[in-house]
Amino acid sequence: MDTKLIGHDVVAEGTMLFRFEKPEGFTYTAGQSIDLLLIDPPETDAEGDTRAFTLASAPDDTHLAIATRMRDTAFKRVLKSMVPGTPMRFEGPFGELTLPEQPERPIVFLAGGIGITPFYSMSRYATTHSLPHQITLFYSNRRPEDAAFLNELLTLPERNPNFALVGTMTEMEKSAQEWAGEQGYIDATMLKQHLADAENALYYIAGPIGMVAALRTMLNEMGVKKESIRTEEFTGY
């Protein structure tokens, strides 16, 4: 599908949000992704001109949005330099990391860094539509400065009694901001402190490959069944 860049914003240190026109008739489910294609970019690399991004926007938004760490790659240099109105293309939506139709089981989101994007979309959608799903989001970052959408996520529990946020920081000694929440990596002890029935929840994990693998192993050791764990890995390109 054809689209155009609307604009971009910095949403955390080293992380940017890019907004695009939403083609008429395009629909998707919160948590899904698209393949974004640069058209005749001024530079490219061995990875080509297409990248997969989870949509950070919610289905009700009038635009589409992605958020990404701004590493020094050809694709991201071109993306950052684009001006509003630049034409682009995308394919999708793809993915099944979406909210279940039935809300009976509690849902636990485990997010690391930019892995927050599908959970940001789903949490906003659940709040806007007053969904009955019981959601607890564990969101791990090095510092508050690195945590995209943190301020908005902190306000969601006020609007959604079925949503809880557990933010945790792993390198607060490097932060210039104050943080009153959890510190350290997400582990079994942290989960059990905040969840009434940790072993029987439905888990979604999104983040760096190593984090996803470690959390999956941790959940297995806790007795969480394989079919109760859904994952999405972010390679950081």
Protein backbone atom coordinates (compact mmCIF):
# COMPACT_ATOMS: atom_id res chain seq x y z
CA MET A 1 0.00 0.00 0.00
CA ASP A 2 1.10 3.56 -0.62
CA THR A 3 1.49 6.06 2.20
CA LYS A 4 3.32 9.30 3.04
CA LEU A 5 5.32 10.47 5.99
CA ILE A 6 3.39 12.90 8.22
CA GLY A 7 6.18 13.66 10.66
CA HIS A 8 8.40 12.33 13.42
CA ASP A 9 9.09 12.96 17.08
CA VAL A 10 11.66 11.94 19.67
CA VAL A 11 9.89 9.73 22.24
CA ALA A 12 12.93 8.71 24.31
CA GLU A 13 16.68 9.19 24.21
CA GLY A 14 17.78 7.58 20.95
CA THR A 15 14.24 6.56 19.98
CA MET A 16 11.94 8.19 17.44
CA LEU A 17 8.29 7.84 16.47
CA PHE A 18 7.38 8.14 12.78
CA ARG A 19 3.79 8.91 11.73
CA PHE A 20 2.35 7.99 8.31
CA GLU A 21 -0.89 8.52 6.46
CA LYS A 22 -3.38 5.70 7.03
CA PRO A 23 -4.71 4.49 3.66
CA GLU A 24 -8.47 4.45 3.33
CA GLY A 25 -9.85 1.00 4.14
CA PHE A 26 -6.69 -0.25 5.85
CA THR A 27 -7.45 -2.10 9.08
CA TYR A 28 -5.34 -4.01 11.57
CA THR A 29 -5.45 -5.45 15.07
CA ALA A 30 -3.53 -3.86 17.96
CA GLY A 31 -0.17 -5.60 18.25
CA GLN A 32 0.30 -6.37 14.56
CA SER A 33 3.22 -5.27 12.36
CA ILE A 34 3.94 -4.02 8.84
CA ASP A 35 6.86 -4.23 6.40
CA LEU A 36 7.92 -0.66 5.60
CA LEU A 37 9.57 0.04 2.23
CA LEU A 38 11.73 3.02 1.30
CA ILE A 39 11.19 4.21 -2.29
CA ASP A 40 14.42 4.99 -4.22
CA PRO A 41 16.44 5.85 -1.09
CA PRO A 42 19.64 7.88 -1.51
CA GLU A 43 21.61 5.11 0.21
CA THR A 44 21.08 1.46 1.09
CA ASP A 45 22.90 -1.45 2.71
CA ALA A 46 23.11 -5.23 2.52
CA GLU A 47 19.83 -5.60 4.41
CA GLY A 48 17.87 -3.86 1.64
CA ASP A 49 15.19 -1.17 1.77
CA THR A 50 12.48 -2.98 3.74
CA ARG A 51 12.17 -3.42 7.50
CA ALA A 52 9.48 -4.94 9.71
CA PHE A 53 7.99 -2.73 12.43
CA THR A 54 5.24 -3.31 14.94
CA LEU A 55 2.63 -0.58 14.72
CA ALA A 56 2.82 1.63 17.80
CA SER A 57 -0.43 3.29 16.78
CA ALA A 58 -3.78 1.85 17.82
CA PRO A 59 -6.39 0.78 15.23
CA ASP A 60 -8.61 3.77 16.09
CA ASP A 61 -5.87 6.31 15.39
CA THR A 62 -6.26 8.36 12.22
CA HIS A 63 -2.62 7.70 11.30
CA LEU A 64 -0.12 4.83 11.39
CA ALA A 65 2.96 5.02 13.60
CA ILE A 66 6.13 3.08 14.26
CA ALA A 67 8.80 3.66 16.91
CA THR A 68 12.41 2.60 16.58
CA ARG A 69 15.85 2.96 18.11
CA MET A 70 17.89 5.24 15.86
CA ARG A 71 20.99 3.16 15.23
CA ASP A 72 23.49 4.16 12.54
CA THR A 73 22.22 2.14 9.58
CA ALA A 74 21.44 3.23 6.03
CA PHE A 75 17.73 2.54 6.46
CA LYS A 76 17.45 4.63 9.61
CA ARG A 77 19.59 7.46 8.32
CA VAL A 78 17.27 7.76 5.33
CA LEU A 79 14.17 7.46 7.52
CA LYS A 80 15.36 10.20 9.88
CA SER A 81 16.22 12.58 7.03
CA MET A 82 12.86 12.28 5.25
CA VAL A 83 10.61 15.34 5.16
CA PRO A 84 6.82 15.28 5.61
CA GLY A 85 5.09 14.24 2.42
CA THR A 86 7.78 11.76 1.36
CA PRO A 87 6.05 8.76 -0.29
CA MET A 88 6.57 5.27 1.11
CA ARG A 89 5.04 1.83 0.77
CA PHE A 90 4.15 -0.89 3.24
CA GLU A 91 2.77 -4.41 3.31
CA GLY A 92 0.68 -6.03 6.02
CA PRO A 93 -0.63 -6.28 8.58
CA PHE A 94 1.20 -9.31 9.93
CA GLY A 95 1.47 -11.13 13.24
CA GLU A 96 -0.60 -12.81 15.90
CA LEU A 97 0.78 -11.07 18.99
CA THR A 98 -2.68 -9.66 19.71
CA LEU A 99 -5.16 -9.70 22.56
CA PRO A 100 -7.17 -12.92 22.91
CA GLU A 101 -10.87 -12.74 22.15
CA GLN A 102 -11.74 -14.31 25.50
CA PRO A 103 -10.75 -12.25 28.58
CA GLU A 104 -10.92 -14.99 31.22
CA ARG A 105 -7.19 -15.42 31.87
CA PRO A 106 -5.00 -12.62 33.24
CA ILE A 107 -2.54 -11.28 30.67
CA VAL A 108 1.07 -10.37 31.43
CA PHE A 109 3.12 -8.26 29.01
CA LEU A 110 6.91 -8.49 29.43
CA ALA A 111 8.59 -5.70 27.45
CA GLY A 112 12.23 -4.76 27.05
CA GLY A 113 13.18 -1.43 25.45
CA ILE A 114 11.57 -0.85 22.06
CA GLY A 115 9.72 -4.14 22.53
CA ILE A 116 7.10 -1.93 24.16
CA THR A 117 5.48 -1.04 20.81
CA PRO A 118 2.93 -3.91 20.51
CA PHE A 119 2.01 -3.58 24.18
CA TYR A 120 1.65 0.19 23.91
CA SER A 121 -0.81 -0.31 21.06
CA MET A 122 -2.76 -3.07 22.82
CA SER A 123 -2.85 -1.28 26.18
CA ARG A 124 -4.15 1.94 24.63
CA TYR A 125 -6.75 0.02 22.63
CA ALA A 126 -7.92 -1.93 25.69
CA THR A 127 -8.24 1.33 27.63
CA THR A 128 -10.10 3.23 24.90
CA HIS A 129 -12.60 0.40 24.45
CA SER A 130 -12.95 -0.46 28.16
CA LEU A 131 -12.03 -4.09 27.47
CA PRO A 132 -12.42 -6.51 30.41
CA HIS A 133 -8.96 -8.08 29.92
CA GLN A 134 -6.86 -7.98 33.10
CA ILE A 135 -3.45 -6.71 31.90
CA THR A 136 -0.21 -6.26 33.83
CA LEU A 137 2.66 -4.70 31.87
CA PHE A 138 6.24 -5.20 33.07
CA TYR A 139 8.42 -2.67 31.22
CA SER A 140 12.21 -2.90 31.57
CA ASN A 141 14.68 -0.20 30.50
CA ARG A 142 18.15 0.90 31.51
CA ARG A 143 16.94 4.37 32.60
CA PRO A 144 13.72 6.42 32.48
CA GLU A 145 15.36 8.48 29.73
CA ASP A 146 15.40 5.37 27.51
CA ALA A 147 11.77 4.36 28.12
CA ALA A 148 9.54 5.27 25.16
CA PHE A 149 5.93 6.18 26.05
CA LEU A 150 6.65 5.83 29.78
CA ASN A 151 4.79 8.97 30.87
CA GLU A 152 1.62 7.99 29.02
CA LEU A 153 1.78 4.42 30.26
CA LEU A 154 2.05 5.69 33.83
CA THR A 155 -1.34 7.41 33.40
CA LEU A 156 -3.19 4.40 31.95
CA PRO A 157 -4.07 2.80 35.32
CA GLU A 158 -6.03 5.96 36.16
CA ARG A 159 -8.16 5.43 33.06
CA ASN A 160 -8.28 1.63 33.03
CA PRO A 161 -8.90 -0.26 36.31
CA ASN A 162 -7.97 -3.49 34.52
CA PHE A 163 -4.46 -2.28 33.64
CA ALA A 164 -1.37 -2.22 35.86
CA LEU A 165 2.14 -1.02 35.01
CA VAL A 166 5.31 -2.30 36.65
CA GLY A 167 8.22 -0.28 35.31
CA THR A 168 11.75 -1.36 36.20
CA MET A 169 15.15 0.22 35.51
CA THR A 170 18.44 -1.68 35.34
CA GLU A 171 21.01 1.16 35.27
CA MET A 172 19.63 3.95 37.45
CA GLU A 173 23.17 4.91 38.47
CA LYS A 174 23.52 6.36 34.96
CA SER A 175 20.25 8.33 35.08
CA ALA A 176 19.74 12.04 35.72
CA GLN A 177 16.09 11.46 36.61
CA GLU A 178 14.42 10.17 39.75
CA TRP A 179 12.64 6.82 39.72
CA ALA A 180 10.45 5.44 42.51
CA GLY A 181 9.54 2.17 40.79
CA GLU A 182 11.24 -1.21 40.60
CA GLN A 183 14.93 -1.62 39.79
CA GLY A 184 16.70 -4.63 38.30
CA TYR A 185 15.86 -7.15 35.62
CA ILE A 186 12.46 -8.79 35.36
CA ASP A 187 12.69 -12.09 37.25
CA ALA A 188 10.44 -14.64 38.92
CA THR A 189 10.57 -12.84 42.26
CA MET A 190 9.37 -9.59 40.69
CA LEU A 191 6.54 -11.35 38.87
CA LYS A 192 5.31 -13.09 42.01
CA GLN A 193 5.41 -9.82 43.95
CA HIS A 194 2.98 -8.19 41.53
CA LEU A 195 0.87 -11.10 40.26
CA ALA A 196 -1.71 -13.06 42.23
CA ASP A 197 -1.42 -16.16 40.04
CA ALA A 198 1.83 -15.89 38.08
CA GLU A 199 1.94 -19.51 36.94
CA ASN A 200 -1.47 -19.46 35.26
CA ALA A 201 -1.35 -16.17 33.35
CA LEU A 202 -1.04 -15.77 29.57
CA TYR A 203 2.37 -14.25 28.82
CA TYR A 204 3.50 -12.05 25.93
CA ILE A 205 7.22 -11.26 25.58
CA ALA A 206 8.76 -8.65 23.25
CA GLY A 207 12.26 -7.23 23.29
CA PRO A 208 15.87 -8.01 22.39
CA ILE A 209 16.53 -11.61 21.35
CA GLY A 210 18.56 -12.44 24.46
CA MET A 211 15.94 -11.03 26.80
CA VAL A 212 13.13 -12.92 25.09
CA ALA A 213 15.03 -16.19 25.39
CA ALA A 214 15.93 -15.60 29.05
CA LEU A 215 12.36 -14.71 30.03
CA ARG A 216 10.97 -17.73 28.20
CA THR A 217 13.37 -19.98 30.13
CA MET A 218 12.40 -18.28 33.39
CA LEU A 219 8.70 -18.80 32.72
CA ASN A 220 9.28 -22.47 31.87
CA GLU A 221 11.13 -22.91 35.16
CA MET A 222 8.18 -21.29 36.96
CA GLY A 223 5.88 -23.93 35.53
CA VAL A 224 4.22 -21.79 32.85
CA LYS A 225 3.12 -24.02 29.97
CA LYS A 226 4.63 -23.53 26.51
CA GLU A 227 1.25 -22.73 24.96
CA SER A 228 0.81 -19.89 27.47
CA ILE A 229 3.82 -17.94 26.15
CA ARG A 230 3.79 -15.75 23.04
CA THR A 231 6.89 -13.94 21.85
CA GLU A 232 8.23 -11.35 19.41
CA GLU A 233 11.92 -10.58 19.01
CA PHE A 234 13.40 -7.18 18.12
CA THR A 235 16.80 -7.38 16.46
CA GLY A 236 17.56 -3.66 16.67
CA TYR A 237 18.42 -3.01 13.01
